[in-house]
Amino acid sequence: MTISAQNGRKEGQPTMHTPPVVSPQAWEAARKGLLVKEKAQSRARDALAAERRRMPWMAVEKAYAFEGPAGKVSLLDLFESRRQLIVYRAFFEPGVFGWPDHACRGCSMVADQVAHVSHLNARDTTLVFVSRAPQADIARLKAKMGWEGIPWFTITDSFDADFGVDEWHGTNVFYRDGDRVFRTYFINNRGDEQMGGTWNYLDITPLGRQEVWEESPEGYPQTATYKWWNWHDSYVADAAPDKKWVEVSDAGEAAFRNQDAGTRP
């Protein structure tokens, strides 16, 4: 390690002991060495997601009610006719620090990171936030913070207590089979820190990313890798992949595969 110069540190802060400065060749060698471990971690994460898709389900027998912009809705309604539902319990209500101007700081950071929900919708998945604040306050907060794209409902019963999110934030995942609803997964605490991106959300769902490379149970829906991707304003249900995008993604996949082959130990 080398000892850094002032490096913009403020008075009273300790001197930073930074890594050594090396040649481009040495830097590239270090990067490739770390890449081996990073790829191993990615494969382990994929294997964990595959195991998650095989977790047992819990039937939801109780009827739950929420308030939305258009009035009262059920848990089943939150699916918006899709098969998968992800519910994040955000703390925005009287008694929460920041009320009534802001939601919980941690929950607000989660909301700031949520990707455009149309990509989840294209994978038969709905994401919603729920809180105990009235809808008028939720609408005001969403407009103020730029969260208009996140469907956000008001809890009216024991949903939060029944699903482990009455005293702390958490993300519950549900699956719909006709009119039957099942709880399939739950993540909270530091596990919630990774949420927000489309891939991380899909990886905690029972159907996963639904691409052919995934190791999923027999009969699970799967489509060609990358081919379903689209601009968030251009998804059309059941539409065939754009031919030009298929060509581009095939070329990119082949290039990355060849590049990956050269980095394996």
Protein backbone atom coordinates (compact mmCIF):
# COMPACT_ATOMS: atom_id res chain seq x y z
CA MET A 1 0.00 0.00 0.00
CA THR A 2 1.07 3.58 -0.55
CA ILE A 3 0.32 6.54 1.64
CA SER A 4 -1.76 9.11 -0.20
CA ALA A 5 -1.14 12.81 -0.22
CA GLN A 6 -3.79 15.18 1.09
CA ASN A 7 -6.26 13.75 -1.47
CA GLY A 8 -8.89 16.32 -0.57
CA ARG A 9 -9.23 15.08 3.00
CA LYS A 10 -10.66 17.42 5.58
CA GLU A 11 -8.83 18.60 8.68
CA GLY A 12 -8.76 15.93 11.36
CA GLN A 13 -9.32 13.02 8.99
CA PRO A 14 -6.69 10.25 8.96
CA THR A 15 -4.32 9.86 6.04
CA MET A 16 -5.61 7.42 3.43
CA HIS A 17 -3.44 4.38 2.78
CA THR A 18 -4.25 3.82 -0.88
CA PRO A 19 -3.29 0.92 -3.17
CA PRO A 20 -0.07 1.14 -5.23
CA VAL A 21 0.05 2.83 -8.62
CA VAL A 22 1.13 0.32 -11.27
CA SER A 23 1.66 0.00 -15.01
CA PRO A 24 -1.29 -0.62 -17.39
CA GLN A 25 -0.11 -4.22 -17.79
CA ALA A 26 -0.01 -4.86 -14.05
CA TRP A 27 -3.40 -3.17 -13.61
CA GLU A 28 -4.95 -5.38 -16.30
CA ALA A 29 -3.47 -8.50 -14.69
CA ALA A 30 -4.95 -7.51 -11.34
CA ARG A 31 -8.32 -6.86 -12.94
CA LYS A 32 -8.36 -10.26 -14.63
CA GLY A 33 -7.39 -11.96 -11.40
CA LEU A 34 -10.33 -10.38 -9.60
CA LEU A 35 -12.61 -11.13 -12.56
CA VAL A 36 -12.17 -14.86 -11.97
CA LYS A 37 -13.60 -14.43 -8.47
CA GLU A 38 -16.36 -12.14 -9.69
CA LYS A 39 -17.48 -14.68 -12.29
CA ALA A 40 -17.51 -17.39 -9.62
CA GLN A 41 -19.71 -15.17 -7.50
CA SER A 42 -22.08 -14.59 -10.44
CA ARG A 43 -22.41 -18.34 -11.00
CA ALA A 44 -23.06 -18.86 -7.29
CA ARG A 45 -25.73 -16.15 -7.38
CA ASP A 46 -27.39 -17.85 -10.36
CA ALA A 47 -27.35 -21.17 -8.52
CA LEU A 48 -28.92 -19.55 -5.47
CA ALA A 49 -31.66 -18.03 -7.62
CA ALA A 50 -32.32 -21.47 -9.13
CA GLU A 51 -32.67 -22.88 -5.62
CA ARG A 52 -34.97 -20.02 -4.70
CA ARG A 53 -37.27 -20.96 -7.61
CA ARG A 54 -37.70 -24.32 -5.94
CA MET A 55 -38.67 -22.99 -2.53
CA PRO A 56 -42.05 -24.26 -1.26
CA TRP A 57 -45.00 -21.88 -1.47
CA MET A 58 -47.34 -20.76 1.29
CA ALA A 59 -51.03 -20.33 0.46
CA VAL A 60 -52.48 -16.94 1.39
CA GLU A 61 -55.90 -17.77 2.82
CA LYS A 62 -56.82 -14.40 4.32
CA ALA A 63 -58.42 -11.62 2.28
CA TYR A 64 -56.49 -8.35 2.44
CA ALA A 65 -57.72 -4.90 1.47
CA PHE A 66 -55.80 -1.83 0.33
CA GLU A 67 -56.71 1.67 -0.75
CA GLY A 68 -55.49 2.83 -4.13
CA PRO A 69 -55.95 5.90 -6.31
CA ALA A 70 -59.23 4.43 -7.60
CA GLY A 71 -60.51 3.12 -4.27
CA LYS A 72 -60.50 -0.19 -2.44
CA VAL A 73 -58.57 -3.12 -3.94
CA SER A 74 -57.65 -6.64 -2.85
CA LEU A 75 -54.29 -8.38 -2.78
CA LEU A 76 -55.38 -10.21 -5.92
CA ASP A 77 -56.11 -6.87 -7.60
CA LEU A 78 -52.55 -5.72 -6.96
CA PHE A 79 -51.32 -8.32 -9.46
CA GLU A 80 -53.02 -6.40 -12.29
CA SER A 81 -53.78 -9.80 -13.88
CA ARG A 82 -50.09 -10.74 -13.98
CA ARG A 83 -48.77 -13.93 -12.40
CA GLN A 84 -46.17 -12.44 -10.09
CA LEU A 85 -46.36 -9.67 -7.51
CA ILE A 86 -43.56 -7.99 -5.56
CA VAL A 87 -44.67 -5.91 -2.57
CA TYR A 88 -42.28 -3.53 -0.81
CA ARG A 89 -43.44 -2.23 2.56
CA ALA A 90 -42.33 1.43 2.71
CA PHE A 91 -42.60 3.38 5.96
CA PHE A 92 -44.55 6.54 5.25
CA GLU A 93 -47.13 7.31 7.91
CA PRO A 94 -47.60 9.28 11.14
CA GLY A 95 -44.85 8.46 13.63
CA VAL A 96 -42.20 7.82 10.98
CA PHE A 97 -39.28 10.26 11.01
CA GLY A 98 -39.85 12.80 8.25
CA TRP A 99 -43.64 12.65 8.29
CA PRO A 100 -45.51 14.28 6.62
CA ASP A 101 -42.95 15.76 4.22
CA HIS A 102 -40.88 12.63 3.66
CA ALA A 103 -40.98 8.87 3.97
CA CYS A 104 -38.36 6.89 5.89
CA ARG A 105 -34.91 7.77 4.56
CA GLY A 106 -33.99 4.14 3.87
CA CYS A 107 -37.30 3.41 2.13
CA SER A 108 -36.84 6.59 0.12
CA MET A 109 -33.44 5.40 -1.07
CA VAL A 110 -35.07 2.16 -2.21
CA ALA A 111 -37.73 4.11 -4.11
CA ASP A 112 -35.06 6.29 -5.74
CA GLN A 113 -33.41 3.17 -7.18
CA VAL A 114 -36.46 1.47 -8.68
CA ALA A 115 -36.01 0.88 -12.41
CA HIS A 116 -38.82 1.50 -14.88
CA VAL A 117 -41.51 -1.00 -13.94
CA SER A 118 -42.45 -1.73 -17.57
CA HIS A 119 -39.50 -4.14 -17.79
CA LEU A 120 -40.89 -6.16 -14.88
CA ASN A 121 -44.36 -5.99 -16.37
CA ALA A 122 -42.97 -7.51 -19.58
CA ARG A 123 -41.96 -10.55 -17.50
CA ASP A 124 -45.51 -10.99 -16.11
CA THR A 125 -44.49 -9.28 -12.87
CA THR A 126 -46.00 -6.34 -10.97
CA LEU A 127 -44.13 -4.25 -8.40
CA VAL A 128 -46.02 -2.18 -5.82
CA PHE A 129 -45.15 -0.22 -2.68
CA VAL A 130 -47.49 -0.21 0.32
CA SER A 131 -47.62 2.10 3.34
CA ARG A 132 -50.14 3.16 5.98
CA ALA A 133 -50.30 6.79 4.82
CA PRO A 134 -53.56 7.94 3.20
CA GLN A 135 -53.64 8.06 -0.58
CA ALA A 136 -53.67 11.86 -0.69
CA ASP A 137 -50.36 11.95 1.18
CA ILE A 138 -48.88 9.18 -0.97
CA ALA A 139 -49.84 11.04 -4.16
CA ARG A 140 -48.25 14.23 -2.80
CA LEU A 141 -45.05 12.40 -1.85
CA LYS A 142 -44.76 10.64 -5.20
CA ALA A 143 -45.12 13.91 -7.08
CA LYS A 144 -42.60 15.67 -4.86
CA MET A 145 -39.96 12.92 -5.08
CA GLY A 146 -40.46 11.88 -8.71
CA TRP A 147 -41.84 8.43 -7.93
CA GLU A 148 -44.94 8.64 -10.13
CA GLY A 149 -44.07 5.38 -11.89
CA ILE A 150 -44.32 3.26 -8.73
CA PRO A 151 -47.82 1.93 -7.92
CA TRP A 152 -48.31 2.74 -4.22
CA PHE A 153 -51.19 1.55 -2.03
CA THR A 154 -52.42 2.12 1.51
CA ILE A 155 -52.47 -0.78 3.99
CA THR A 156 -55.85 -0.96 5.77
CA ASP A 157 -55.59 -4.17 7.79
CA SER A 158 -53.05 -6.62 9.24
CA PHE A 159 -51.14 -7.23 5.99
CA ASP A 160 -47.93 -5.70 7.35
CA ALA A 161 -48.03 -7.65 10.62
CA ASP A 162 -48.95 -10.92 8.90
CA PHE A 163 -46.04 -10.70 6.45
CA GLY A 164 -43.26 -9.52 8.75
CA VAL A 165 -43.16 -5.85 7.77
CA ASP A 166 -45.05 -4.09 10.55
CA GLU A 167 -41.95 -2.80 12.32
CA TRP A 168 -39.32 -2.81 9.56
CA HIS A 169 -39.17 -2.63 5.80
CA GLY A 170 -39.22 -5.79 3.70
CA THR A 171 -40.07 -7.22 0.29
CA ASN A 172 -42.64 -10.01 -0.10
CA VAL A 173 -43.12 -11.98 -3.32
CA PHE A 174 -46.39 -13.61 -4.34
CA TYR A 175 -47.57 -15.83 -7.19
CA ARG A 176 -51.10 -15.99 -8.59
CA ASP A 177 -52.64 -19.19 -9.93
CA GLY A 178 -56.08 -18.13 -11.07
CA ASP A 179 -57.71 -16.67 -7.95
CA ARG A 180 -55.33 -18.42 -5.58
CA VAL A 181 -52.40 -16.46 -4.15
CA PHE A 182 -49.20 -17.91 -2.71
CA ARG A 183 -46.35 -16.32 -0.81
CA THR A 184 -43.12 -17.51 -2.42
CA TYR A 185 -40.28 -15.42 -0.94
CA PHE A 186 -39.38 -12.71 1.56
CA ILE A 187 -36.30 -10.53 1.93
CA ASN A 188 -35.50 -7.72 4.38
CA ASN A 189 -32.74 -5.92 6.24
CA ARG A 190 -29.55 -5.83 4.13
CA GLY A 191 -31.21 -8.04 1.55
CA ASP A 192 -33.38 -5.07 0.59
CA GLU A 193 -30.30 -2.99 -0.18
CA GLN A 194 -29.82 -4.72 -3.53
CA MET A 195 -33.40 -4.16 -4.65
CA GLY A 196 -34.38 -1.63 -7.28
CA GLY A 197 -32.91 -3.12 -10.45
CA THR A 198 -35.00 -5.23 -12.81
CA TRP A 199 -32.66 -8.24 -12.59
CA ASN A 200 -32.51 -8.35 -8.81
CA TYR A 201 -36.28 -8.18 -8.60
CA LEU A 202 -36.74 -10.97 -11.15
CA ASP A 203 -34.16 -13.12 -9.36
CA ILE A 204 -36.34 -13.26 -6.23
CA THR A 205 -39.48 -14.26 -8.11
CA PRO A 206 -40.63 -17.88 -8.52
CA LEU A 207 -40.32 -17.69 -12.33
CA GLY A 208 -36.99 -15.85 -12.36
CA ARG A 209 -35.82 -13.96 -15.45
CA GLN A 210 -37.57 -16.53 -17.66
CA GLU A 211 -34.63 -16.86 -20.05
CA VAL A 212 -33.42 -20.15 -21.53
CA TRP A 213 -30.03 -20.13 -19.77
CA GLU A 214 -31.64 -20.34 -16.33
CA GLU A 215 -31.85 -23.66 -14.53
CA SER A 216 -35.57 -23.72 -13.75
CA PRO A 217 -38.06 -26.51 -12.99
CA GLU A 218 -39.62 -28.27 -15.96
CA GLY A 219 -42.43 -26.37 -17.63
CA TYR A 220 -41.43 -22.92 -16.39
CA PRO A 221 -41.78 -20.14 -19.01
CA GLN A 222 -38.51 -19.31 -20.75
CA THR A 223 -37.70 -17.23 -23.82
CA ALA A 224 -34.50 -16.55 -25.74
CA THR A 225 -31.91 -14.62 -23.75
CA TYR A 226 -31.99 -10.82 -24.29
CA LYS A 227 -34.57 -11.05 -27.07
CA TRP A 228 -37.51 -9.80 -24.99
CA TRP A 229 -35.69 -6.57 -24.05
CA ASN A 230 -37.25 -3.37 -25.34
CA TRP A 231 -37.49 0.37 -24.77
CA HIS A 232 -39.71 0.94 -21.78
CA ASP A 233 -42.31 2.70 -23.94
CA SER A 234 -42.36 0.05 -26.67
CA TYR A 235 -43.42 -3.24 -25.06
CA VAL A 236 -46.32 -4.95 -26.79
CA ALA A 237 -47.83 -8.03 -25.18
CA ASP A 238 -47.10 -11.29 -27.05
CA ALA A 239 -45.21 -9.46 -29.81
CA ALA A 240 -42.38 -11.31 -31.56
CA PRO A 241 -38.87 -9.94 -30.89
CA ASP A 242 -37.71 -7.27 -33.30
CA LYS A 243 -35.58 -8.95 -36.00
CA LYS A 244 -32.92 -6.26 -35.98
CA TRP A 245 -32.57 -6.49 -32.20
CA VAL A 246 -32.24 -10.26 -32.49
CA GLU A 247 -29.30 -9.77 -34.88
CA VAL A 248 -27.65 -7.19 -32.63
CA SER A 249 -28.08 -9.21 -29.44
CA ASP A 250 -26.87 -12.42 -31.10
CA ALA A 251 -23.71 -10.64 -32.25
CA GLY A 252 -23.16 -9.16 -28.81
CA GLU A 253 -23.70 -12.48 -27.07
CA ALA A 254 -21.22 -14.20 -29.36
CA ALA A 255 -18.63 -11.49 -28.80
CA PHE A 256 -18.96 -11.68 -25.02
CA ARG A 257 -18.81 -15.48 -25.13
CA ASN A 258 -15.53 -15.35 -27.07
CA GLN A 259 -14.16 -12.72 -24.71
CA ASP A 260 -15.20 -14.78 -21.68
CA ALA A 261 -13.44 -17.86 -23.06
CA GLY A 262 -10.19 -15.94 -23.03
CA THR A 263 -10.47 -14.99 -19.35
CA ARG A 264 -11.13 -18.42 -17.87
CA PRO A 265 -8.41 -19.85 -15.64
